[in-house]
């Protein structure tokens, strides 16, 4: 793993107060499970819907059973380390309008995934969650080669029901929902 990714593992602290102190990876050499991968994918998908960024992915459009969807891959480092609140890992993925980002995540003992940072804070080169454009190309390639390449998709025209379900999960996950705040008059 690159120096930047290793640094990212040690810099995450943002969600310590939101999650339990229990950890499931005691050795620092644990492999991510399929259930944890699904939880991370759900967190990424929920944040995209909650912030309304799903429509930015039109360049990845394919036909889906519920209408147009965007399909691409997310790279998840298979190794997890113990962290405050659970097990910590790293993902690399396309996050429009930001570009490609590298981002730590925490999976708590209940199996819930929390992405560190926030689109509101951006993905600068001085943050643990950053844009890969600030990284050395060889490090990004190496990190991706050492990761699990997971297919990912989001609906480009999600239903209101899907958005409301997402807003509920985001509110439980982060304490608030950007979609709910923006549409308060429509949810009552």
Protein backbone atom coordinates (compact mmCIF):
# COMPACT_ATOMS: atom_id res chain seq x y z
CA UNK A 1 0.00 0.00 0.00
CA UNK A 2 1.21 3.51 -0.76
CA UNK A 3 2.48 5.91 1.85
CA UNK A 4 -0.56 8.11 1.27
CA UNK A 5 -2.99 5.25 1.85
CA UNK A 6 -1.08 4.21 4.99
CA UNK A 7 -1.24 7.78 6.22
CA UNK A 8 -4.97 7.79 5.58
CA UNK A 9 -5.38 4.79 7.86
CA UNK A 10 -3.84 6.68 10.76
CA UNK A 11 -5.52 10.05 10.27
CA UNK A 12 -9.16 9.04 10.56
CA UNK A 13 -10.85 10.39 13.66
CA UNK A 14 -13.95 12.15 12.46
CA UNK A 15 -16.46 9.46 13.41
CA UNK A 16 -15.12 8.40 16.81
CA UNK A 17 -18.03 9.97 18.65
CA UNK A 18 -20.66 8.52 16.33
CA UNK A 19 -19.73 4.87 16.68
CA UNK A 20 -19.22 2.38 19.49
CA UNK A 21 -15.74 1.79 20.84
CA UNK A 22 -15.92 -1.95 20.14
CA UNK A 23 -13.67 -3.37 17.45
CA UNK A 24 -13.88 -6.60 15.51
CA UNK A 25 -10.39 -6.57 13.95
CA UNK A 26 -8.00 -7.00 16.86
CA UNK A 27 -4.85 -8.03 14.99
CA UNK A 28 -4.60 -5.29 12.40
CA UNK A 29 -4.37 -7.92 9.70
CA UNK A 30 -8.03 -8.63 8.93
CA UNK A 31 -9.63 -9.12 5.54
CA UNK A 32 -12.84 -7.32 4.61
CA UNK A 33 -15.89 -9.56 4.35
CA UNK A 34 -18.53 -9.54 1.61
CA UNK A 35 -21.07 -8.18 4.09
CA UNK A 36 -18.73 -5.30 4.96
CA UNK A 37 -18.13 -4.61 1.26
CA UNK A 38 -21.90 -4.37 0.69
CA UNK A 39 -22.19 -1.98 3.62
CA UNK A 40 -19.44 0.26 2.20
CA UNK A 41 -21.10 0.25 -1.24
CA UNK A 42 -24.40 1.23 0.41
CA UNK A 43 -22.71 4.13 2.22
CA UNK A 44 -21.20 5.40 -1.05
CA UNK A 45 -24.52 5.02 -2.88
CA UNK A 46 -26.47 6.72 -0.07
CA UNK A 47 -24.14 9.71 0.04
CA UNK A 48 -24.45 10.15 -3.74
CA UNK A 49 -28.24 10.11 -3.58
CA UNK A 50 -28.46 12.24 -0.44
CA UNK A 51 -26.24 14.98 -1.89
CA UNK A 52 -27.96 14.77 -5.28
CA UNK A 53 -24.78 13.91 -7.19
CA UNK A 54 -26.31 10.90 -8.98
CA UNK A 55 -27.17 13.04 -12.01
CA UNK A 56 -23.48 13.95 -12.47
CA UNK A 57 -22.71 10.37 -13.56
CA UNK A 58 -24.42 10.61 -16.97
CA UNK A 59 -21.12 9.77 -18.74
CA UNK A 60 -21.27 6.24 -17.26
CA UNK A 61 -24.89 5.65 -18.28
CA UNK A 62 -26.17 2.19 -19.15
CA UNK A 63 -29.72 0.82 -19.35
CA UNK A 64 -30.94 -0.64 -16.07
CA UNK A 65 -34.13 -2.46 -15.02
CA UNK A 66 -35.43 0.71 -13.29
CA UNK A 67 -34.24 3.17 -15.94
CA UNK A 68 -30.85 4.66 -16.69
CA UNK A 69 -28.05 3.85 -14.29
CA UNK A 70 -24.35 4.56 -14.02
CA UNK A 71 -21.97 1.62 -13.73
CA UNK A 72 -18.29 1.66 -12.82
CA UNK A 73 -15.92 0.01 -10.34
CA UNK A 74 -14.94 0.80 -6.78
CA UNK A 75 -11.57 -0.37 -5.47
CA UNK A 76 -11.59 -1.58 -1.87
CA UNK A 77 -8.37 -2.41 -0.08
CA UNK A 78 -8.91 -5.92 1.32
CA UNK A 79 -7.06 -5.19 4.57
CA UNK A 80 -8.77 -3.74 7.61
CA UNK A 81 -7.16 -2.34 10.73
CA UNK A 82 -8.59 -1.72 14.20
CA UNK A 83 -9.85 1.82 14.69
CA UNK A 84 -12.02 3.76 17.10
CA UNK A 85 -15.52 2.61 16.31
CA UNK A 86 -14.74 -0.55 14.35
CA UNK A 87 -12.64 -1.70 11.42
CA UNK A 88 -11.02 0.80 9.09
CA UNK A 89 -10.31 0.43 5.39
CA UNK A 90 -9.67 2.42 2.23
CA UNK A 91 -11.66 2.82 -0.99
CA UNK A 92 -10.89 4.47 -4.32
CA UNK A 93 -13.81 5.45 -6.53
CA UNK A 94 -15.20 7.93 -9.03
CA UNK A 95 -17.10 10.62 -7.19
CA UNK A 96 -18.46 13.22 -9.54
CA UNK A 97 -18.25 16.17 -9.54
CA UNK A 98 -15.01 15.71 -7.55
CA UNK A 99 -13.22 13.20 -9.78
CA UNK A 100 -11.62 10.07 -8.38
CA UNK A 101 -11.21 10.01 -4.60
CA UNK A 102 -9.37 7.88 -2.08
CA UNK A 103 -11.27 7.69 1.16
CA UNK A 104 -11.07 5.89 4.49
CA UNK A 105 -14.15 4.20 5.92
CA UNK A 106 -15.11 2.56 9.20
CA UNK A 107 -17.35 -0.49 9.56
CA UNK A 108 -18.76 -0.69 13.08
CA UNK A 109 -19.55 -3.87 15.02
CA UNK A 110 -23.17 -3.73 13.78
CA UNK A 111 -21.91 -3.84 10.17
CA UNK A 112 -22.73 -0.21 9.36
CA UNK A 113 -20.22 1.61 7.15
CA UNK A 114 -19.26 5.24 7.68
CA UNK A 115 -17.29 7.22 5.10
CA UNK A 116 -14.83 9.68 6.56
CA UNK A 117 -14.99 13.32 5.65
CA UNK A 118 -17.74 14.95 3.70
CA UNK A 119 -18.26 16.40 0.24
CA UNK A 120 -18.88 19.68 2.08
CA UNK A 121 -15.23 19.66 3.19
CA UNK A 122 -13.93 18.71 -0.24
CA UNK A 123 -11.21 16.25 -1.15
CA UNK A 124 -8.02 18.28 -1.04
CA UNK A 125 -4.47 16.99 -0.86
CA UNK A 126 -4.10 17.82 2.87
CA UNK A 127 -7.08 15.71 3.97
CA UNK A 128 -7.22 11.98 4.74
CA UNK A 129 -9.98 11.74 2.13
CA UNK A 130 -8.43 13.16 -0.99
CA UNK A 131 -8.61 13.35 -4.73
CA UNK A 132 -6.28 10.89 -6.45
CA UNK A 133 -5.08 13.61 -8.81
CA UNK A 134 -2.85 14.76 -5.93
CA UNK A 135 -1.24 11.33 -5.65
CA UNK A 136 1.62 9.82 -7.59
CA UNK A 137 0.20 7.87 -10.56
CA UNK A 138 2.26 4.78 -9.71
CA UNK A 139 0.91 4.78 -6.14
CA UNK A 140 -2.68 4.97 -7.38
CA UNK A 141 -2.08 2.12 -9.84
CA UNK A 142 -0.41 0.01 -7.15
CA UNK A 143 -3.22 0.70 -4.67
CA UNK A 144 -5.83 -0.33 -7.24
CA UNK A 145 -3.91 -3.50 -8.18
CA UNK A 146 -3.80 -4.51 -4.50
CA UNK A 147 -7.52 -3.80 -4.04
CA UNK A 148 -10.68 -5.75 -4.67
CA UNK A 149 -12.35 -4.40 -7.83
CA UNK A 150 -16.07 -4.28 -7.10
CA UNK A 151 -18.81 -3.46 -9.64
CA UNK A 152 -20.93 -0.50 -8.55
CA UNK A 153 -24.04 1.19 -9.91
CA UNK A 154 -26.39 4.02 -9.07
CA UNK A 155 -29.74 4.99 -10.56
CA UNK A 156 -29.51 8.19 -12.58
CA UNK A 157 -33.22 8.88 -12.06
CA UNK A 158 -33.94 7.43 -8.62
CA UNK A 159 -37.49 7.22 -7.38
CA UNK A 160 -38.71 9.46 -4.58
CA UNK A 161 -39.04 6.37 -2.41
CA UNK A 162 -35.37 5.48 -2.96
CA UNK A 163 -34.31 9.04 -2.10
CA UNK A 164 -36.41 9.02 1.08
CA UNK A 165 -34.95 5.66 2.15
CA UNK A 166 -31.47 7.01 1.49
CA UNK A 167 -32.17 10.18 3.48
CA UNK A 168 -33.29 8.06 6.43
CA UNK A 169 -30.11 5.93 6.33
CA UNK A 170 -27.90 9.01 5.95
CA UNK A 171 -29.60 10.65 8.91
CA UNK A 172 -28.95 7.54 11.02
CA UNK A 173 -25.38 7.31 9.72
CA UNK A 174 -24.28 10.96 9.96
CA UNK A 175 -26.91 12.69 12.07
CA UNK A 176 -28.43 14.65 9.17
CA UNK A 177 -29.57 14.36 5.59
CA UNK A 178 -28.62 16.94 2.97
CA UNK A 179 -31.67 15.97 0.93
CA UNK A 180 -34.02 16.44 3.90
CA UNK A 181 -32.49 19.82 4.74
CA UNK A 182 -32.88 20.98 1.15
CA UNK A 183 -36.44 19.65 0.83
CA UNK A 184 -37.88 20.23 4.32
CA UNK A 185 -41.04 21.79 2.97
CA UNK A 186 -41.65 18.76 0.72
CA UNK A 187 -41.16 16.01 3.34
CA UNK A 188 -43.78 17.22 5.84
